[in-house]
Amino acid sequence: MDKPSAQLFAQHKVLIVGIANDHSIAYGCARAFRELGADLAITYLNDKAKAYVEPLAEELGASLLLPLDVSKPGELDSVFDTIRERWGRLDVAVHSIAFAPKEDLQGGLLNSSAEGFAKAMDVSCHSFIRMARLAAPLMNEGGSLFAMSYLGAARVVPNYDLMGPVKAALEASCRYLAHELGPKHIRVHPISPGPLKTRAASGLKDFDLLLNEAAQRAPIGELVDIMDVGYTCAFLATPYARRMTGNTIFVDGGVSIMNG
């Protein structure tokens, strides 16, 4: 299959938050937008993460490589200050970060602590709201915002536990943001990929079993990969999807349509 024109996103400015390594969903998104000509701003969590992210940013020819820990006051604002100074605008922002303390993530929802739940909600959900608030003024000609969810937001997935309610809140936030930002021609998309071998997913109990089950249940008979997610985001950011916003988009090979 021929790939779309590399000029499709020429002159577009795209922020990618959440690359940890070359297995990250955010990396697949960055590659997809870069293939189509976009100029990238990429963030890394801390100095330790920078050693893994910087070579990927160089490979992608990213214009900006910036530190970002959304739990640290001022860092998200600093990222957008730099984008405003260097670019003056933004077309797309991809939020692909989530976190919960291990003891809360693996201990079941019933036993989750208030502190762990609040931390998971802040990093995984409210940081997207803060990102949208900062991005909107830079999207004077409209734009697209993306957040990564999972089937566990809509259905009970064994061992997903605490993250189920958190991702459900993220999807609801996307719907309300789509409503608020629609008049500004800013579209908001919650994306729900099938299970992928990312660093974040490795913290889930019995994750390999989840992968195997997904491959068996998917109508297409195989798992999705990070580029499937990236190309879906790229499509949704084009004029071809100009009337789509707020709805959760499943990129899971059809697993979500199956019963049981």
C-alpha atoms as a PDB file:
ATOM      1  CA  MET A   1       0.000   0.000   0.000  1.00  0.00           C
ATOM      2  CA  ASP A   2       1.322   3.431  -0.920  1.00  0.00           C
ATOM      3  CA  LYS A   3       1.886   5.774   2.017  1.00  0.00           C
ATOM      4  CA  PRO A   4       0.152   9.179   2.122  1.00  0.00           C
ATOM      5  CA  SER A   5       2.049  12.176   0.830  1.00  0.00           C
ATOM      6  CA  ALA A   6       4.848  13.319   3.116  1.00  0.00           C
ATOM      7  CA  GLN A   7       3.575  16.862   2.572  1.00  0.00           C
ATOM      8  CA  LEU A   8       0.225  16.253   4.264  1.00  0.00           C
ATOM      9  CA  PHE A   9       1.413  17.845   7.532  1.00  0.00           C
ATOM     10  CA  ALA A  10       4.071  20.144   6.138  1.00  0.00           C
ATOM     11  CA  GLN A  11       4.347  23.221   8.383  1.00  0.00           C
ATOM     12  CA  HIS A  12       2.287  21.522  11.107  1.00  0.00           C
ATOM     13  CA  LYS A  13       3.574  21.784  14.670  1.00  0.00           C
ATOM     14  CA  VAL A  14       3.017  18.670  16.778  1.00  0.00           C
ATOM     15  CA  LEU A  15       3.717  18.085  20.488  1.00  0.00           C
ATOM     16  CA  ILE A  16       4.306  14.481  21.573  1.00  0.00           C
ATOM     17  CA  VAL A  17       4.221  13.725  25.309  1.00  0.00           C
ATOM     18  CA  GLY A  18       5.023  10.257  26.596  1.00  0.00           C
ATOM     19  CA  ILE A  19       7.936   8.719  24.697  1.00  0.00           C
ATOM     20  CA  ALA A  20       9.950   6.464  27.017  1.00  0.00           C
ATOM     21  CA  ASN A  21      11.582   4.231  24.392  1.00  0.00           C
ATOM     22  CA  ASP A  22      11.007   2.906  20.877  1.00  0.00           C
ATOM     23  CA  HIS A  23       8.175   0.661  22.116  1.00  0.00           C
ATOM     24  CA  SER A  24       6.105   3.608  23.353  1.00  0.00           C
ATOM     25  CA  ILE A  25       2.759   4.429  21.778  1.00  0.00           C
ATOM     26  CA  ALA A  26       3.903   8.052  21.740  1.00  0.00           C
ATOM     27  CA  TYR A  27       6.893   7.061  19.594  1.00  0.00           C
ATOM     28  CA  GLY A  28       4.563   5.467  17.046  1.00  0.00           C
ATOM     29  CA  CYS A  29       2.562   8.705  16.972  1.00  0.00           C
ATOM     30  CA  ALA A  30       5.722  10.774  16.542  1.00  0.00           C
ATOM     31  CA  ARG A  31       6.900   8.578  13.657  1.00  0.00           C
ATOM     32  CA  ALA A  32       3.532   8.776  11.900  1.00  0.00           C
ATOM     33  CA  PHE A  33       3.316  12.567  12.095  1.00  0.00           C
ATOM     34  CA  ARG A  34       6.958  12.946  11.074  1.00  0.00           C
ATOM     35  CA  GLU A  35       6.467  10.685   8.041  1.00  0.00           C
ATOM     36  CA  LEU A  36       3.786  13.115   6.922  1.00  0.00           C
ATOM     37  CA  GLY A  37       6.053  16.142   7.252  1.00  0.00           C
ATOM     38  CA  ALA A  38       5.197  17.525  10.690  1.00  0.00           C
ATOM     39  CA  ASP A  39       7.632  19.469  12.865  1.00  0.00           C
ATOM     40  CA  LEU A  40       7.910  17.771  16.267  1.00  0.00           C
ATOM     41  CA  ALA A  41       8.337  18.819  19.876  1.00  0.00           C
ATOM     42  CA  ILE A  42       9.138  15.806  22.065  1.00  0.00           C
ATOM     43  CA  THR A  43       9.299  15.614  25.839  1.00  0.00           C
ATOM     44  CA  TYR A  44      11.168  13.322  28.224  1.00  0.00           C
ATOM     45  CA  LEU A  45      10.371  12.569  31.859  1.00  0.00           C
ATOM     46  CA  ASN A  46      13.764  13.165  33.512  1.00  0.00           C
ATOM     47  CA  ASP A  47      17.528  12.917  32.954  1.00  0.00           C
ATOM     48  CA  LYS A  48      17.450   9.125  33.129  1.00  0.00           C
ATOM     49  CA  ALA A  49      14.756   8.972  30.457  1.00  0.00           C
ATOM     50  CA  LYS A  50      16.554  11.535  28.290  1.00  0.00           C
ATOM     51  CA  ALA A  51      19.271   8.981  27.488  1.00  0.00           C
ATOM     52  CA  TYR A  52      16.617   6.836  25.758  1.00  0.00           C
ATOM     53  CA  VAL A  53      14.481   9.600  24.261  1.00  0.00           C
ATOM     54  CA  GLU A  54      17.154  11.920  22.872  1.00  0.00           C
ATOM     55  CA  PRO A  55      18.418   9.461  20.194  1.00  0.00           C
ATOM     56  CA  LEU A  56      14.816   8.921  19.058  1.00  0.00           C
ATOM     57  CA  ALA A  57      14.210  12.672  18.880  1.00  0.00           C
ATOM     58  CA  GLU A  58      17.370  13.066  16.790  1.00  0.00           C
ATOM     59  CA  GLU A  59      16.303  10.223  14.504  1.00  0.00           C
ATOM     60  CA  LEU A  60      12.959  11.966  13.971  1.00  0.00           C
ATOM     61  CA  GLY A  61      14.540  15.365  13.434  1.00  0.00           C
ATOM     62  CA  ALA A  62      12.536  16.898  16.274  1.00  0.00           C
ATOM     63  CA  SER A  63      12.920  20.658  16.563  1.00  0.00           C
ATOM     64  CA  LEU A  64      12.338  20.688  20.315  1.00  0.00           C
ATOM     65  CA  LEU A  65      13.332  18.242  23.058  1.00  0.00           C
ATOM     66  CA  LEU A  66      12.042  19.354  26.432  1.00  0.00           C
ATOM     67  CA  PRO A  67      11.861  17.959  29.983  1.00  0.00           C
ATOM     68  CA  LEU A  68       8.383  17.296  31.309  1.00  0.00           C
ATOM     69  CA  ASP A  69       7.195  15.693  34.516  1.00  0.00           C
ATOM     70  CA  VAL A  70       3.544  16.724  34.759  1.00  0.00           C
ATOM     71  CA  SER A  71       3.602  16.142  38.513  1.00  0.00           C
ATOM     72  CA  LYS A  72       6.167  18.929  38.965  1.00  0.00           C
ATOM     73  CA  PRO A  73       4.648  22.420  39.167  1.00  0.00           C
ATOM     74  CA  GLY A  74       5.624  24.667  36.291  1.00  0.00           C
ATOM     75  CA  GLU A  75       7.112  22.077  33.934  1.00  0.00           C
ATOM     76  CA  LEU A  76       4.042  21.812  31.700  1.00  0.00           C
ATOM     77  CA  ASP A  77       3.795  25.595  31.574  1.00  0.00           C
ATOM     78  CA  SER A  78       7.479  25.766  30.630  1.00  0.00           C
ATOM     79  CA  VAL A  79       6.949  23.391  27.699  1.00  0.00           C
ATOM     80  CA  PHE A  80       4.186  25.578  26.313  1.00  0.00           C
ATOM     81  CA  ASP A  81       6.140  28.760  26.955  1.00  0.00           C
ATOM     82  CA  THR A  82       8.922  27.347  24.771  1.00  0.00           C
ATOM     83  CA  ILE A  83       6.476  26.300  22.057  1.00  0.00           C
ATOM     84  CA  ARG A  84       4.956  29.770  22.101  1.00  0.00           C
ATOM     85  CA  GLU A  85       8.372  31.424  21.839  1.00  0.00           C
ATOM     86  CA  ARG A  86       9.792  29.105  19.181  1.00  0.00           C
ATOM     87  CA  TRP A  87       6.731  28.293  17.090  1.00  0.00           C
ATOM     88  CA  GLY A  88       4.010  30.747  18.060  1.00  0.00           C
ATOM     89  CA  ARG A  89       1.352  28.103  17.386  1.00  0.00           C
ATOM     90  CA  LEU A  90       0.465  24.435  17.758  1.00  0.00           C
ATOM     91  CA  ASP A  91      -1.613  22.124  15.576  1.00  0.00           C
ATOM     92  CA  VAL A  92      -1.599  18.791  17.407  1.00  0.00           C
ATOM     93  CA  ALA A  93      -0.845  17.583  20.931  1.00  0.00           C
ATOM     94  CA  VAL A  94      -0.588  13.919  21.890  1.00  0.00           C
ATOM     95  CA  HIS A  95      -0.890  12.934  25.568  1.00  0.00           C
ATOM     96  CA  SER A  96       0.335   9.368  26.123  1.00  0.00           C
ATOM     97  CA  ILE A  97       1.261   9.191  29.801  1.00  0.00           C
ATOM     98  CA  ALA A  98      -0.199   7.292  32.738  1.00  0.00           C
ATOM     99  CA  PHE A  99       0.989   6.380  36.206  1.00  0.00           C
ATOM    100  CA  ALA A 100      -0.182   4.682  39.375  1.00  0.00           C
ATOM    101  CA  PRO A 101       1.883   3.532  42.359  1.00  0.00           C
ATOM    102  CA  LYS A 102       2.647  -0.173  41.963  1.00  0.00           C
ATOM    103  CA  GLU A 103       1.053  -1.153  45.252  1.00  0.00           C
ATOM    104  CA  ASP A 104      -2.197   0.565  44.221  1.00  0.00           C
ATOM    105  CA  LEU A 105      -2.062  -0.739  40.669  1.00  0.00           C
ATOM    106  CA  GLN A 106      -1.608  -4.364  41.680  1.00  0.00           C
ATOM    107  CA  GLY A 107      -3.617  -4.441  44.896  1.00  0.00           C
ATOM    108  CA  GLY A 108      -7.110  -4.255  43.415  1.00  0.00           C
ATOM    109  CA  LEU A 109      -9.428  -1.249  43.348  1.00  0.00           C
ATOM    110  CA  LEU A 110     -11.001  -2.063  46.701  1.00  0.00           C
ATOM    111  CA  ASN A 111      -7.655  -1.737  48.461  1.00  0.00           C
ATOM    112  CA  SER A 112      -6.361   1.293  46.566  1.00  0.00           C
ATOM    113  CA  SER A 113      -5.266   4.205  48.717  1.00  0.00           C
ATOM    114  CA  ALA A 114      -6.698   7.683  48.411  1.00  0.00           C
ATOM    115  CA  GLU A 115      -3.198   9.003  47.763  1.00  0.00           C
ATOM    116  CA  GLY A 116      -2.485   6.442  45.044  1.00  0.00           C
ATOM    117  CA  PHE A 117      -5.846   7.031  43.372  1.00  0.00           C
ATOM    118  CA  ALA A 118      -5.307  10.792  43.429  1.00  0.00           C
ATOM    119  CA  LYS A 119      -1.794  10.427  41.979  1.00  0.00           C
ATOM    120  CA  ALA A 120      -3.041   8.186  39.184  1.00  0.00           C
ATOM    121  CA  MET A 121      -5.872  10.601  38.400  1.00  0.00           C
ATOM    122  CA  ASP A 122      -3.584  13.641  38.370  1.00  0.00           C
ATOM    123  CA  VAL A 123      -0.907  12.196  36.088  1.00  0.00           C
ATOM    124  CA  SER A 124      -3.141  10.084  33.854  1.00  0.00           C
ATOM    125  CA  CYS A 125      -6.178  12.353  33.527  1.00  0.00           C
ATOM    126  CA  HIS A 126      -6.000  15.879  34.915  1.00  0.00           C
ATOM    127  CA  SER A 127      -2.648  16.554  33.260  1.00  0.00           C
ATOM    128  CA  PHE A 128      -4.462  16.159  29.921  1.00  0.00           C
ATOM    129  CA  ILE A 129      -6.959  18.810  30.966  1.00  0.00           C
ATOM    130  CA  ARG A 130      -4.086  21.121  31.921  1.00  0.00           C
ATOM    131  CA  MET A 131      -2.400  20.379  28.607  1.00  0.00           C
ATOM    132  CA  ALA A 132      -5.584  21.227  26.706  1.00  0.00           C
ATOM    133  CA  ARG A 133      -5.930  24.511  28.594  1.00  0.00           C
ATOM    134  CA  LEU A 134      -2.395  25.535  27.590  1.00  0.00           C
ATOM    135  CA  ALA A 135      -2.665  24.239  24.028  1.00  0.00           C
ATOM    136  CA  ALA A 136      -5.956  25.910  23.124  1.00  0.00           C
ATOM    137  CA  PRO A 137      -4.615  29.492  22.895  1.00  0.00           C
ATOM    138  CA  LEU A 138      -1.933  28.270  20.469  1.00  0.00           C
ATOM    139  CA  MET A 139      -4.496  26.606  18.194  1.00  0.00           C
ATOM    140  CA  ASN A 140      -5.898  29.777  16.662  1.00  0.00           C
ATOM    141  CA  GLU A 141      -6.743  27.997  13.422  1.00  0.00           C
ATOM    142  CA  GLY A 142      -8.068  24.871  15.113  1.00  0.00           C
ATOM    143  CA  GLY A 143      -6.234  21.715  16.078  1.00  0.00           C
ATOM    144  CA  SER A 144      -6.399  18.209  17.488  1.00  0.00           C
ATOM    145  CA  LEU A 145      -5.790  16.835  20.979  1.00  0.00           C
ATOM    146  CA  PHE A 146      -5.234  13.124  21.643  1.00  0.00           C
ATOM    147  CA  ALA A 147      -5.318  11.096  24.860  1.00  0.00           C
ATOM    148  CA  MET A 148      -4.624   7.368  25.227  1.00  0.00           C
ATOM    149  CA  SER A 149      -7.201   5.174  26.954  1.00  0.00           C
ATOM    150  CA  TYR A 150      -7.910   1.432  27.046  1.00  0.00           C
ATOM    151  CA  LEU A 151     -10.877  -0.959  26.902  1.00  0.00           C
ATOM    152  CA  GLY A 152     -10.738  -1.216  30.707  1.00  0.00           C
ATOM    153  CA  ALA A 153     -12.339   2.232  30.817  1.00  0.00           C
ATOM    154  CA  ALA A 154     -15.590   0.827  29.420  1.00  0.00           C
ATOM    155  CA  ARG A 155     -15.503  -2.809  30.549  1.00  0.00           C
ATOM    156  CA  VAL A 156     -14.043  -4.760  33.428  1.00  0.00           C
ATOM    157  CA  VAL A 157     -10.653  -6.117  32.394  1.00  0.00           C
ATOM    158  CA  PRO A 158      -9.166  -8.416  35.043  1.00  0.00           C
ATOM    159  CA  ASN A 159      -6.118  -6.901  36.773  1.00  0.00           C
ATOM    160  CA  TYR A 160      -6.654  -3.451  35.221  1.00  0.00           C
ATOM    161  CA  ASP A 161      -8.253  -2.425  38.525  1.00  0.00           C
ATOM    162  CA  LEU A 162      -7.412   1.160  39.556  1.00  0.00           C
ATOM    163  CA  MET A 163      -6.682   2.302  36.018  1.00  0.00           C
ATOM    164  CA  GLY A 164     -10.193   1.410  34.833  1.00  0.00           C
ATOM    165  CA  PRO A 165     -11.925   4.257  36.691  1.00  0.00           C
ATOM    166  CA  VAL A 166      -9.002   6.584  35.897  1.00  0.00           C
ATOM    167  CA  LYS A 167      -9.215   5.926  32.155  1.00  0.00           C
ATOM    168  CA  ALA A 168     -13.005   6.230  32.307  1.00  0.00           C
ATOM    169  CA  ALA A 169     -12.514   9.694  33.784  1.00  0.00           C
ATOM    170  CA  LEU A 170     -10.043  10.486  30.999  1.00  0.00           C
ATOM    171  CA  GLU A 171     -12.544   9.503  28.317  1.00  0.00           C
ATOM    172  CA  ALA A 172     -15.279  11.570  29.977  1.00  0.00           C
ATOM    173  CA  SER A 173     -12.872  14.511  30.168  1.00  0.00           C
ATOM    174  CA  CYS A 174     -12.229  14.190  26.440  1.00  0.00           C
ATOM    175  CA  ARG A 175     -15.943  14.368  25.721  1.00  0.00           C
ATOM    176  CA  TYR A 176     -16.410  17.493  27.828  1.00  0.00           C
ATOM    177  CA  LEU A 177     -13.311  19.127  26.354  1.00  0.00           C
ATOM    178  CA  ALA A 178     -14.576  18.312  22.863  1.00  0.00           C
ATOM    179  CA  HIS A 179     -17.757  20.179  23.760  1.00  0.00           C
ATOM    180  CA  GLU A 180     -15.951  23.184  25.238  1.00  0.00           C
ATOM    181  CA  LEU A 181     -13.303  23.460  22.516  1.00  0.00           C
ATOM    182  CA  GLY A 182     -15.510  22.631  19.540  1.00  0.00           C
ATOM    183  CA  PRO A 183     -16.385  26.285  18.858  1.00  0.00           C
ATOM    184  CA  LYS A 184     -12.639  26.948  18.503  1.00  0.00           C
ATOM    185  CA  HIS A 185     -12.413  24.147  15.893  1.00  0.00           C
ATOM    186  CA  ILE A 186     -10.272  22.095  18.261  1.00  0.00           C
ATOM    187  CA  ARG A 187     -11.148  18.407  18.146  1.00  0.00           C
ATOM    188  CA  VAL A 188     -10.462  16.044  21.042  1.00  0.00           C
ATOM    189  CA  HIS A 189      -9.943  12.321  20.543  1.00  0.00           C
ATOM    190  CA  PRO A 190      -9.688   9.606  23.186  1.00  0.00           C
ATOM    191  CA  ILE A 191      -7.847   6.715  21.520  1.00  0.00           C
ATOM    192  CA  SER A 192      -8.250   3.181  22.885  1.00  0.00           C
ATOM    193  CA  PRO A 193      -5.494   0.898  21.577  1.00  0.00           C
ATOM    194  CA  GLY A 194      -5.450  -2.836  22.120  1.00  0.00           C
ATOM    195  CA  PRO A 195      -2.854  -4.183  24.569  1.00  0.00           C
ATOM    196  CA  LEU A 196       0.701  -3.308  23.578  1.00  0.00           C
ATOM    197  CA  LYS A 197       4.046  -4.233  25.101  1.00  0.00           C
ATOM    198  CA  THR A 198       4.902  -0.825  26.516  1.00  0.00           C
ATOM    199  CA  ARG A 199       6.818  -0.023  29.687  1.00  0.00           C
ATOM    200  CA  ALA A 200       3.670   1.274  31.370  1.00  0.00           C
ATOM    201  CA  ALA A 201       1.707  -1.887  30.554  1.00  0.00           C
ATOM    202  CA  SER A 202       4.414  -4.095  32.021  1.00  0.00           C
ATOM    203  CA  GLY A 203       3.279  -3.018  35.488  1.00  0.00           C
ATOM    204  CA  LEU A 204      -0.048  -4.820  35.080  1.00  0.00           C
ATOM    205  CA  LYS A 205      -0.396  -8.230  36.667  1.00  0.00           C
ATOM    206  CA  ASP A 206      -0.498 -11.154  34.170  1.00  0.00           C
ATOM    207  CA  PHE A 207      -0.085  -8.787  31.232  1.00  0.00           C
ATOM    208  CA  ASP A 208       1.234 -11.555  28.945  1.00  0.00           C
ATOM    209  CA  LEU A 209      -2.048 -13.410  29.411  1.00  0.00           C
ATOM    210  CA  LEU A 210      -3.913 -10.258  28.397  1.00  0.00           C
ATOM    211  CA  LEU A 211      -1.834 -10.027  25.217  1.00  0.00           C
ATOM    212  CA  ASN A 212      -2.454 -13.647  24.301  1.00  0.00           C
ATOM    213  CA  GLU A 213      -6.187 -13.369  24.909  1.00  0.00           C
ATOM    214  CA  ALA A 214      -6.412 -10.217  22.785  1.00  0.00           C
ATOM    215  CA  ALA A 215      -4.641 -11.910  19.873  1.00  0.00           C
ATOM    216  CA  GLN A 216      -7.009 -14.868  20.094  1.00  0.00           C
ATOM    217  CA  ARG A 217     -10.174 -12.757  20.297  1.00  0.00           C
ATOM    218  CA  ALA A 218      -9.318 -10.139  17.677  1.00  0.00           C
ATOM    219  CA  PRO A 219     -11.307 -10.681  14.463  1.00  0.00           C
ATOM    220  CA  ILE A 220      -8.198  -9.860  12.437  1.00  0.00           C
ATOM    221  CA  GLY A 221      -6.290 -12.501  14.392  1.00  0.00           C
ATOM    222  CA  GLU A 222      -3.350 -10.408  15.479  1.00  0.00           C
ATOM    223  CA  LEU A 223      -2.300  -7.641  17.846  1.00  0.00           C
ATOM    224  CA  VAL A 224      -2.017  -4.015  16.845  1.00  0.00           C
ATOM    225  CA  ASP A 225       1.277  -2.123  17.019  1.00  0.00           C
ATOM    226  CA  ILE A 226       2.339   1.410  17.854  1.00  0.00           C
ATOM    227  CA  MET A 227       2.253   2.503  14.211  1.00  0.00           C
ATOM    228  CA  ASP A 228      -1.405   1.478  13.948  1.00  0.00           C
ATOM    229  CA  VAL A 229      -2.113   3.940  16.748  1.00  0.00           C
ATOM    230  CA  GLY A 230       0.098   6.617  15.201  1.00  0.00           C
ATOM    231  CA  TYR A 231      -1.510   6.391  11.773  1.00  0.00           C
ATOM    232  CA  THR A 232      -4.975   6.548  13.342  1.00  0.00           C
ATOM    233  CA  CYS A 233      -4.049   9.762  15.155  1.00  0.00           C
ATOM    234  CA  ALA A 234      -2.587  11.188  11.957  1.00  0.00           C
ATOM    235  CA  PHE A 235      -5.799  10.434  10.065  1.00  0.00           C
ATOM    236  CA  LEU A 236      -7.927  12.049  12.772  1.00  0.00           C
ATOM    237  CA  ALA A 237      -5.814  15.207  12.585  1.00  0.00           C
ATOM    238  CA  THR A 238      -6.470  15.611   8.845  1.00  0.00           C
ATOM    239  CA  PRO A 239      -9.401  17.401   7.204  1.00  0.00           C
ATOM    240  CA  TYR A 240     -10.675  13.930   6.242  1.00  0.00           C
ATOM    241  CA  ALA A 241     -11.845  13.586   9.865  1.00  0.00           C
ATOM    242  CA  ARG A 242     -12.943  17.196  10.307  1.00  0.00           C
ATOM    243  CA  ARG A 243     -16.385  16.279  11.679  1.00  0.00           C
ATOM    244  CA  MET A 244     -15.123  13.727  14.184  1.00  0.00           C
ATOM    245  CA  THR A 245     -14.571  14.644  17.820  1.00  0.00           C
ATOM    246  CA  GLY A 246     -15.156  13.349  21.344  1.00  0.00           C
ATOM    247  CA  ASN A 247     -15.844   9.712  20.514  1.00  0.00           C
ATOM    248  CA  THR A 248     -13.517   6.992  21.779  1.00  0.00           C
ATOM    249  CA  ILE A 249     -11.733   5.435  18.803  1.00  0.00           C
ATOM    250  CA  PHE A 250     -10.762   1.798  19.267  1.00  0.00           C
ATOM    251  CA  VAL A 251      -7.556   0.673  17.550  1.00  0.00           C
ATOM    252  CA  ASP A 252      -7.586  -2.935  18.711  1.00  0.00           C
ATOM    253  CA  GLY A 253      -8.144  -5.238  15.754  1.00  0.00           C
ATOM    254  CA  GLY A 254     -11.823  -5.522  16.718  1.00  0.00           C
ATOM    255  CA  VAL A 255     -11.351  -6.940  20.239  1.00  0.00           C
ATOM    256  CA  SER A 256     -13.784  -4.378  21.640  1.00  0.00           C
ATOM    257  CA  ILE A 257     -16.679  -5.677  19.507  1.00  0.00           C
ATOM    258  CA  MET A 258     -16.419  -9.200  20.898  1.00  0.00           C
ATOM    259  CA  ASN A 259     -18.644 -10.507  23.694  1.00  0.00           C
ATOM    260  CA  GLY A 260     -17.243 -12.057  26.840  1.00  0.00           C
END
